[in-house]
């Protein structure tokens, strides 16, 4: 019996860590967590807005997603497929 692993295993963490920001800095684990969690909150807001009927201020998933998928998994796939741009923090 073959079991397909999902979640943080797909996409692979090594591939996500190889991503760079607009200053060509490699992504750290901490940066990846912050970036993905912010995007996951936006995706959750989108699904909440669907129920309320107002979709003007939120952007839904940028990749094909099912209703069973968690927002963080969707966010990780968006990062993996280069659908999002990471900008370096400015002070």
N, C-alpha and C. Protein backbone atom coordinates (compact mmCIF):
# COMPACT_ATOMS: atom_id res chain seq x y z
N UNK A 1 0.85 -1.18 0.00
CA UNK A 1 0.00 0.00 0.00
C UNK A 1 0.89 1.24 0.00
N UNK A 2 0.65 2.13 -0.93
CA UNK A 2 1.44 3.35 -1.05
C UNK A 2 0.67 4.53 -0.46
N UNK A 3 1.32 5.24 0.44
CA UNK A 3 0.70 6.39 1.08
C UNK A 3 1.39 7.65 0.58
N UNK A 4 0.61 8.59 0.04
CA UNK A 4 1.17 9.84 -0.44
C UNK A 4 1.27 10.81 0.73
N UNK A 5 2.48 11.26 1.02
CA UNK A 5 2.69 12.19 2.11
C UNK A 5 2.34 13.60 1.67
N UNK A 6 1.68 14.35 2.52
CA UNK A 6 1.28 15.72 2.22
C UNK A 6 1.78 16.64 3.31
N UNK A 7 1.45 17.90 3.21
CA UNK A 7 1.83 18.87 4.24
C UNK A 7 3.21 19.42 3.99
N UNK A 8 3.99 19.56 5.05
CA UNK A 8 5.31 20.16 4.94
C UNK A 8 6.27 19.30 4.12
N UNK A 9 5.94 18.02 3.94
CA UNK A 9 6.77 17.14 3.12
C UNK A 9 6.62 17.50 1.64
N UNK A 10 5.47 17.99 1.26
CA UNK A 10 5.22 18.37 -0.12
C UNK A 10 4.61 19.76 -0.15
N UNK A 11 5.31 20.77 -0.57
CA UNK A 11 6.63 20.79 -1.20
C UNK A 11 7.76 20.56 -0.19
N UNK A 12 8.87 20.08 -0.70
CA UNK A 12 10.01 19.76 0.14
C UNK A 12 10.60 21.01 0.79
N UNK A 13 10.94 20.91 2.06
CA UNK A 13 11.48 22.05 2.80
C UNK A 13 12.78 22.53 2.20
N UNK A 14 13.59 21.62 1.66
CA UNK A 14 14.86 22.02 1.04
C UNK A 14 14.63 22.92 -0.17
N UNK A 15 13.60 22.62 -0.94
CA UNK A 15 13.29 23.44 -2.11
C UNK A 15 12.79 24.81 -1.70
N UNK A 16 12.00 24.87 -0.62
CA UNK A 16 11.50 26.16 -0.13
C UNK A 16 12.63 27.01 0.44
N UNK A 17 13.58 26.36 1.13
CA UNK A 17 14.69 27.09 1.73
C UNK A 17 15.62 27.67 0.67
N UNK A 18 15.59 27.15 -0.55
CA UNK A 18 16.45 27.64 -1.63
C UNK A 18 15.91 28.92 -2.26
N UNK A 19 14.69 29.30 -1.93
CA UNK A 19 14.10 30.53 -2.48
C UNK A 19 14.86 31.75 -1.97
N UNK A 20 14.83 32.82 -2.76
CA UNK A 20 15.53 34.05 -2.40
C UNK A 20 14.56 35.21 -2.37
N UNK A 21 14.90 36.25 -1.59
CA UNK A 21 14.09 37.47 -1.59
C UNK A 21 14.58 38.38 -2.71
N UNK A 22 14.02 39.59 -2.80
CA UNK A 22 14.39 40.50 -3.88
C UNK A 22 15.82 41.02 -3.75
N UNK A 23 16.46 40.81 -2.61
CA UNK A 23 17.87 41.20 -2.42
C UNK A 23 18.80 40.00 -2.63
N UNK A 24 18.27 38.89 -3.11
CA UNK A 24 19.00 37.65 -3.38
C UNK A 24 19.58 37.02 -2.12
N UNK A 25 18.87 37.16 -0.99
CA UNK A 25 19.23 36.48 0.24
C UNK A 25 18.45 35.18 0.32
N UNK A 26 19.10 34.12 0.72
CA UNK A 26 18.41 32.83 0.90
C UNK A 26 17.40 32.96 2.04
N UNK A 27 16.31 32.25 1.92
CA UNK A 27 15.27 32.28 2.94
C UNK A 27 15.71 31.45 4.14
N UNK A 28 15.51 31.99 5.33
CA UNK A 28 15.79 31.23 6.55
C UNK A 28 14.52 30.49 6.96
N UNK A 29 14.66 29.53 7.85
CA UNK A 29 13.49 28.80 8.33
C UNK A 29 12.53 29.76 9.02
N UNK A 30 13.07 30.67 9.81
CA UNK A 30 12.24 31.66 10.50
C UNK A 30 11.50 32.53 9.49
N UNK A 31 12.21 33.01 8.49
CA UNK A 31 11.59 33.86 7.47
C UNK A 31 10.52 33.12 6.70
N UNK A 32 10.77 31.85 6.40
CA UNK A 32 9.79 31.04 5.69
C UNK A 32 8.52 30.87 6.52
N UNK A 33 8.66 30.62 7.80
CA UNK A 33 7.51 30.45 8.68
C UNK A 33 6.68 31.74 8.75
N UNK A 34 7.34 32.86 8.92
CA UNK A 34 6.64 34.15 9.00
C UNK A 34 5.92 34.45 7.68
N UNK A 35 6.64 34.29 6.58
CA UNK A 35 6.09 34.58 5.26
C UNK A 35 4.88 33.70 4.96
N UNK A 36 5.02 32.40 5.19
CA UNK A 36 3.92 31.46 4.90
C UNK A 36 2.74 31.68 5.84
N UNK A 37 3.00 32.00 7.10
CA UNK A 37 1.89 32.18 8.04
C UNK A 37 1.09 33.45 7.73
N UNK A 38 1.78 34.51 7.29
CA UNK A 38 1.05 35.73 6.89
C UNK A 38 0.16 35.45 5.69
N UNK A 39 0.70 34.70 4.73
CA UNK A 39 -0.10 34.37 3.55
C UNK A 39 -1.26 33.44 3.92
N UNK A 40 -1.02 32.50 4.83
CA UNK A 40 -2.08 31.59 5.26
C UNK A 40 -3.22 32.37 5.92
N UNK A 41 -2.88 33.41 6.68
CA UNK A 41 -3.94 34.26 7.28
C UNK A 41 -4.75 34.95 6.21
N UNK A 42 -4.09 35.41 5.14
CA UNK A 42 -4.81 36.05 4.04
C UNK A 42 -5.76 35.06 3.36
N UNK A 43 -5.31 33.83 3.19
CA UNK A 43 -6.15 32.80 2.57
C UNK A 43 -7.34 32.49 3.46
N UNK A 44 -7.11 32.40 4.78
CA UNK A 44 -8.23 32.18 5.71
C UNK A 44 -9.22 33.34 5.65
N UNK A 45 -8.72 34.57 5.55
CA UNK A 45 -9.59 35.74 5.41
C UNK A 45 -10.42 35.65 4.13
N UNK A 46 -9.81 35.15 3.08
CA UNK A 46 -10.53 34.99 1.81
C UNK A 46 -11.69 34.03 1.98
N UNK A 47 -11.43 32.87 2.60
CA UNK A 47 -12.51 31.90 2.79
C UNK A 47 -13.60 32.44 3.72
N UNK A 48 -13.23 33.23 4.70
CA UNK A 48 -14.23 33.87 5.57
C UNK A 48 -15.06 34.87 4.79
N UNK A 49 -14.40 35.61 3.89
CA UNK A 49 -15.10 36.60 3.08
C UNK A 49 -16.07 35.95 2.10
N UNK A 50 -15.74 34.75 1.67
CA UNK A 50 -16.66 34.03 0.78
C UNK A 50 -18.01 33.84 1.46
N UNK A 51 -17.99 33.52 2.73
CA UNK A 51 -19.22 33.30 3.48
C UNK A 51 -19.96 34.61 3.70
N UNK A 52 -19.22 35.71 3.87
CA UNK A 52 -19.84 37.02 4.11
C UNK A 52 -20.33 37.67 2.83
N UNK A 53 -19.76 37.25 1.69
CA UNK A 53 -20.18 37.82 0.42
C UNK A 53 -19.38 39.03 -0.03
N UNK A 54 -18.32 39.39 0.67
CA UNK A 54 -17.50 40.53 0.25
C UNK A 54 -16.09 40.04 -0.08
N UNK A 55 -15.73 40.14 -1.35
CA UNK A 55 -14.44 39.63 -1.81
C UNK A 55 -13.53 40.73 -2.35
N UNK A 56 -13.73 41.96 -1.94
CA UNK A 56 -13.02 43.05 -2.57
C UNK A 56 -11.63 43.31 -2.00
N UNK A 57 -11.36 42.95 -0.77
CA UNK A 57 -10.09 43.31 -0.15
C UNK A 57 -9.14 42.14 0.08
N UNK A 58 -9.48 40.96 -0.39
CA UNK A 58 -8.65 39.79 -0.12
C UNK A 58 -8.38 39.04 -1.41
N UNK A 59 -7.22 38.38 -1.45
CA UNK A 59 -6.82 37.59 -2.62
C UNK A 59 -6.88 36.12 -2.23
N UNK A 60 -7.58 35.36 -3.02
CA UNK A 60 -7.71 33.93 -2.76
C UNK A 60 -6.47 33.16 -3.16
N UNK A 61 -6.52 31.85 -3.05
CA UNK A 61 -5.37 31.02 -3.39
C UNK A 61 -4.92 31.25 -4.84
N UNK A 62 -3.61 31.30 -5.03
CA UNK A 62 -3.03 31.53 -6.35
C UNK A 62 -2.67 30.22 -7.05
N UNK A 63 -2.93 29.10 -6.39
CA UNK A 63 -2.72 27.77 -6.96
C UNK A 63 -4.03 27.01 -6.84
N UNK A 64 -4.17 25.95 -7.59
CA UNK A 64 -5.37 25.12 -7.47
C UNK A 64 -5.40 24.51 -6.08
N UNK A 65 -6.52 24.69 -5.39
CA UNK A 65 -6.64 24.20 -4.02
C UNK A 65 -8.02 23.59 -3.82
N UNK A 66 -8.05 22.60 -2.95
CA UNK A 66 -9.32 21.98 -2.59
C UNK A 66 -9.76 22.53 -1.24
N UNK A 67 -11.00 22.32 -0.90
CA UNK A 67 -11.51 22.82 0.37
C UNK A 67 -10.94 22.06 1.55
N UNK A 68 -10.41 20.86 1.32
CA UNK A 68 -9.83 20.07 2.41
C UNK A 68 -8.42 20.51 2.78
N UNK A 69 -7.75 21.25 1.91
CA UNK A 69 -6.38 21.67 2.17
C UNK A 69 -6.33 22.78 3.20
N UNK A 70 -5.34 22.72 4.04
CA UNK A 70 -5.12 23.77 5.04
C UNK A 70 -4.50 24.99 4.36
N UNK A 71 -4.76 26.17 4.91
CA UNK A 71 -4.27 27.41 4.32
C UNK A 71 -2.73 27.45 4.30
N UNK A 72 -2.09 26.90 5.32
CA UNK A 72 -0.63 26.91 5.35
C UNK A 72 -0.05 26.04 4.24
N UNK A 73 -0.68 24.92 3.94
CA UNK A 73 -0.23 24.06 2.84
C UNK A 73 -0.37 24.79 1.52
N UNK A 74 -1.47 25.50 1.33
CA UNK A 74 -1.68 26.28 0.11
C UNK A 74 -0.61 27.36 0.00
N UNK A 75 -0.32 28.05 1.11
CA UNK A 75 0.70 29.09 1.10
C UNK A 75 2.07 28.53 0.74
N UNK A 76 2.41 27.37 1.28
CA UNK A 76 3.71 26.75 0.96
C UNK A 76 3.79 26.39 -0.52
N UNK A 77 2.69 25.90 -1.09
CA UNK A 77 2.69 25.59 -2.53
C UNK A 77 2.81 26.85 -3.37
N UNK A 78 2.21 27.96 -2.93
CA UNK A 78 2.35 29.23 -3.65
C UNK A 78 3.80 29.69 -3.64
N UNK A 79 4.47 29.56 -2.51
CA UNK A 79 5.88 29.93 -2.41
C UNK A 79 6.71 29.04 -3.32
N UNK A 80 6.43 27.74 -3.29
CA UNK A 80 7.18 26.79 -4.10
C UNK A 80 7.03 27.07 -5.59
N UNK A 81 5.85 27.46 -6.02
CA UNK A 81 5.58 27.71 -7.44
C UNK A 81 5.86 29.15 -7.85
N UNK A 82 6.53 29.91 -6.98
CA UNK A 82 6.92 31.31 -7.26
C UNK A 82 5.73 32.20 -7.61
N UNK A 83 4.61 31.97 -6.94
CA UNK A 83 3.42 32.81 -7.14
C UNK A 83 3.48 34.06 -6.26
N UNK A 84 4.37 34.05 -5.27
CA UNK A 84 4.52 35.17 -4.34
C UNK A 84 5.93 35.70 -4.41
N UNK A 85 6.11 37.00 -4.17
CA UNK A 85 7.43 37.61 -4.11
C UNK A 85 7.74 37.99 -2.69
N UNK A 86 8.93 37.62 -2.25
CA UNK A 86 9.38 37.96 -0.90
C UNK A 86 10.27 39.19 -1.00
N UNK A 87 9.93 40.22 -0.25
CA UNK A 87 10.73 41.44 -0.24
C UNK A 87 11.49 41.52 1.08
N UNK A 88 12.73 41.95 1.00
CA UNK A 88 13.55 42.08 2.20
C UNK A 88 12.96 43.15 3.10
N UNK A 89 13.06 42.94 4.41
CA UNK A 89 12.54 43.91 5.37
C UNK A 89 13.40 45.16 5.35
N UNK A 90 12.76 46.29 5.42
CA UNK A 90 13.49 47.56 5.48
C UNK A 90 13.33 48.16 6.85
N UNK A 91 14.37 48.80 7.30
CA UNK A 91 14.33 49.38 8.65
C UNK A 91 13.94 50.84 8.61
